[in-house]
């Protein structure tokens, strides 16, 4: 089952702050789980261009860990009330379409094919 957390920040939040926090969270995961395991896990995120939102794939243990560390970094940097978090789980309908998320969200958080 696929799941993502969508983080929404105040409008004036710098994209650089968001990117830096995600990169720090991924680095922390590499320190805890090992760089190879993080790489193989397919950890994925997407910072929405021209918007103060970030989507992190939390479908596995490492993605969940990255999202938790990211949340802590952001709360420490911007304040406890500086973000809203929405967790969405992709529940497949019989037709094969995502019930809760548009399909393009999944494409955005998927790592590129090698």
C-alpha atoms as a PDB file:
ATOM      1  CA  UNK A   1       0.000   0.000   0.000  1.00  0.00           C
ATOM      2  CA  UNK A   2       1.393   3.394  -0.970  1.00  0.00           C
ATOM      3  CA  UNK A   3       1.223   6.329   1.418  1.00  0.00           C
ATOM      4  CA  UNK A   4       2.515   9.893   1.345  1.00  0.00           C
ATOM      5  CA  UNK A   5       2.688  12.782   3.753  1.00  0.00           C
ATOM      6  CA  UNK A   6       1.990  16.202   2.283  1.00  0.00           C
ATOM      7  CA  UNK A   7       3.549  19.055   4.224  1.00  0.00           C
ATOM      8  CA  UNK A   8       2.142  22.557   3.733  1.00  0.00           C
ATOM      9  CA  UNK A   9       4.120  25.597   4.888  1.00  0.00           C
ATOM     10  CA  UNK A  10       3.350  29.304   5.176  1.00  0.00           C
ATOM     11  CA  UNK A  11       3.412  31.022   1.767  1.00  0.00           C
ATOM     12  CA  UNK A  12       6.703  32.836   2.380  1.00  0.00           C
ATOM     13  CA  UNK A  13       8.670  29.680   3.235  1.00  0.00           C
ATOM     14  CA  UNK A  14      11.805  29.379   1.132  1.00  0.00           C
ATOM     15  CA  UNK A  15      12.123  26.338  -1.115  1.00  0.00           C
ATOM     16  CA  UNK A  16      15.780  26.172  -0.026  1.00  0.00           C
ATOM     17  CA  UNK A  17      14.738  25.678   3.608  1.00  0.00           C
ATOM     18  CA  UNK A  18      12.418  22.832   2.623  1.00  0.00           C
ATOM     19  CA  UNK A  19      15.011  21.161   0.362  1.00  0.00           C
ATOM     20  CA  UNK A  20      17.703  21.498   3.031  1.00  0.00           C
ATOM     21  CA  UNK A  21      15.467  19.926   5.676  1.00  0.00           C
ATOM     22  CA  UNK A  22      14.607  16.975   3.410  1.00  0.00           C
ATOM     23  CA  UNK A  23      18.257  16.426   2.514  1.00  0.00           C
ATOM     24  CA  UNK A  24      19.235  16.525   6.192  1.00  0.00           C
ATOM     25  CA  UNK A  25      16.507  14.005   7.018  1.00  0.00           C
ATOM     26  CA  UNK A  26      17.716  11.658   4.272  1.00  0.00           C
ATOM     27  CA  UNK A  27      21.310  12.014   5.483  1.00  0.00           C
ATOM     28  CA  UNK A  28      20.158  11.139   9.005  1.00  0.00           C
ATOM     29  CA  UNK A  29      18.398   8.041   7.651  1.00  0.00           C
ATOM     30  CA  UNK A  30      21.631   7.047   5.909  1.00  0.00           C
ATOM     31  CA  UNK A  31      23.472   7.357   9.225  1.00  0.00           C
ATOM     32  CA  UNK A  32      20.908   5.164  10.995  1.00  0.00           C
ATOM     33  CA  UNK A  33      20.079   2.555   8.329  1.00  0.00           C
ATOM     34  CA  UNK A  34      23.166   2.753   6.121  1.00  0.00           C
ATOM     35  CA  UNK A  35      23.466   4.503   2.777  1.00  0.00           C
ATOM     36  CA  UNK A  36      22.917   1.342   0.683  1.00  0.00           C
ATOM     37  CA  UNK A  37      19.667   0.467   2.483  1.00  0.00           C
ATOM     38  CA  UNK A  38      18.317   4.005   2.053  1.00  0.00           C
ATOM     39  CA  UNK A  39      19.226   3.982  -1.638  1.00  0.00           C
ATOM     40  CA  UNK A  40      17.604   0.572  -2.205  1.00  0.00           C
ATOM     41  CA  UNK A  41      14.474   1.571  -0.245  1.00  0.00           C
ATOM     42  CA  UNK A  42      13.483   4.031  -2.962  1.00  0.00           C
ATOM     43  CA  UNK A  43      13.095   6.941  -0.558  1.00  0.00           C
ATOM     44  CA  UNK A  44      11.353   9.658  -2.548  1.00  0.00           C
ATOM     45  CA  UNK A  45      10.137  13.201  -2.114  1.00  0.00           C
ATOM     46  CA  UNK A  46       8.901  16.089  -4.206  1.00  0.00           C
ATOM     47  CA  UNK A  47       8.994  19.805  -3.414  1.00  0.00           C
ATOM     48  CA  UNK A  48       6.206  21.474  -5.357  1.00  0.00           C
ATOM     49  CA  UNK A  49       7.572  24.260  -7.561  1.00  0.00           C
ATOM     50  CA  UNK A  50       6.324  27.762  -6.775  1.00  0.00           C
ATOM     51  CA  UNK A  51       4.380  26.474  -3.802  1.00  0.00           C
ATOM     52  CA  UNK A  52       5.136  25.854  -0.154  1.00  0.00           C
ATOM     53  CA  UNK A  53       4.411  22.134  -0.192  1.00  0.00           C
ATOM     54  CA  UNK A  54       6.490  18.997   0.036  1.00  0.00           C
ATOM     55  CA  UNK A  55       5.397  15.393  -0.501  1.00  0.00           C
ATOM     56  CA  UNK A  56       7.335  12.515   1.061  1.00  0.00           C
ATOM     57  CA  UNK A  57       6.650   8.860   0.253  1.00  0.00           C
ATOM     58  CA  UNK A  58       6.101   7.086   3.592  1.00  0.00           C
ATOM     59  CA  UNK A  59       5.279   3.665   2.145  1.00  0.00           C
ATOM     60  CA  UNK A  60       8.148   1.983   3.979  1.00  0.00           C
ATOM     61  CA  UNK A  61      10.080   2.234   7.240  1.00  0.00           C
ATOM     62  CA  UNK A  62      12.792   4.467   5.823  1.00  0.00           C
ATOM     63  CA  UNK A  63      10.354   6.895   4.202  1.00  0.00           C
ATOM     64  CA  UNK A  64       8.439   7.057   7.479  1.00  0.00           C
ATOM     65  CA  UNK A  65      11.693   7.797   9.336  1.00  0.00           C
ATOM     66  CA  UNK A  66      12.663  10.517   6.836  1.00  0.00           C
ATOM     67  CA  UNK A  67       9.250  12.175   7.247  1.00  0.00           C
ATOM     68  CA  UNK A  68       9.529  12.110  11.043  1.00  0.00           C
ATOM     69  CA  UNK A  69      13.035  13.607  11.048  1.00  0.00           C
ATOM     70  CA  UNK A  70      11.971  16.173   8.433  1.00  0.00           C
ATOM     71  CA  UNK A  71       9.050  17.191  10.649  1.00  0.00           C
ATOM     72  CA  UNK A  72      11.364  17.623  13.629  1.00  0.00           C
ATOM     73  CA  UNK A  73      13.855  19.718  11.651  1.00  0.00           C
ATOM     74  CA  UNK A  74      11.127  21.971  10.274  1.00  0.00           C
ATOM     75  CA  UNK A  75       9.481  22.411  13.675  1.00  0.00           C
ATOM     76  CA  UNK A  76      12.859  23.280  15.200  1.00  0.00           C
ATOM     77  CA  UNK A  77      13.722  25.704  12.375  1.00  0.00           C
ATOM     78  CA  UNK A  78      10.374  27.389  11.709  1.00  0.00           C
ATOM     79  CA  UNK A  79       8.382  26.730  14.888  1.00  0.00           C
ATOM     80  CA  UNK A  80       5.902  24.102  16.017  1.00  0.00           C
ATOM     81  CA  UNK A  81       2.969  25.641  14.158  1.00  0.00           C
ATOM     82  CA  UNK A  82       4.830  26.334  10.904  1.00  0.00           C
ATOM     83  CA  UNK A  83       3.504  23.376   8.981  1.00  0.00           C
ATOM     84  CA  UNK A  84       0.449  21.283   8.364  1.00  0.00           C
ATOM     85  CA  UNK A  85       0.796  17.568   7.684  1.00  0.00           C
ATOM     86  CA  UNK A  86      -1.682  15.430   5.799  1.00  0.00           C
ATOM     87  CA  UNK A  87      -1.164  11.699   5.434  1.00  0.00           C
ATOM     88  CA  UNK A  88      -2.824  10.049   2.448  1.00  0.00           C
ATOM     89  CA  UNK A  89      -3.082   6.354   1.746  1.00  0.00           C
ATOM     90  CA  UNK A  90      -3.659   5.080  -1.779  1.00  0.00           C
ATOM     91  CA  UNK A  91      -6.592   2.687  -1.680  1.00  0.00           C
ATOM     92  CA  UNK A  92      -7.108   0.981  -5.023  1.00  0.00           C
ATOM     93  CA  UNK A  93     -10.648   0.850  -6.339  1.00  0.00           C
ATOM     94  CA  UNK A  94     -11.765  -2.095  -8.445  1.00  0.00           C
ATOM     95  CA  UNK A  95     -11.209   0.033 -11.522  1.00  0.00           C
ATOM     96  CA  UNK A  96      -7.531   0.365 -10.582  1.00  0.00           C
ATOM     97  CA  UNK A  97      -7.746   4.103  -9.987  1.00  0.00           C
ATOM     98  CA  UNK A  98      -6.447   5.689  -6.810  1.00  0.00           C
ATOM     99  CA  UNK A  99      -9.237   6.527  -4.400  1.00  0.00           C
ATOM    100  CA  UNK A 100      -7.497   9.279  -2.441  1.00  0.00           C
ATOM    101  CA  UNK A 101      -4.641  10.597  -4.563  1.00  0.00           C
ATOM    102  CA  UNK A 102      -4.291  11.670  -8.152  1.00  0.00           C
ATOM    103  CA  UNK A 103      -2.026   9.325 -10.104  1.00  0.00           C
ATOM    104  CA  UNK A 104       0.482  12.083 -10.888  1.00  0.00           C
ATOM    105  CA  UNK A 105       1.386  12.336  -7.179  1.00  0.00           C
ATOM    106  CA  UNK A 106       2.692   8.760  -7.308  1.00  0.00           C
ATOM    107  CA  UNK A 107       4.712   9.535 -10.405  1.00  0.00           C
ATOM    108  CA  UNK A 108       6.236  12.550  -8.696  1.00  0.00           C
ATOM    109  CA  UNK A 109       7.512  10.587  -5.708  1.00  0.00           C
ATOM    110  CA  UNK A 110       8.779   7.579  -7.642  1.00  0.00           C
ATOM    111  CA  UNK A 111      12.552   7.437  -8.098  1.00  0.00           C
ATOM    112  CA  UNK A 112      13.699   7.656 -11.716  1.00  0.00           C
ATOM    113  CA  UNK A 113      14.359   4.450 -13.631  1.00  0.00           C
ATOM    114  CA  UNK A 114      18.042   3.647 -13.818  1.00  0.00           C
END
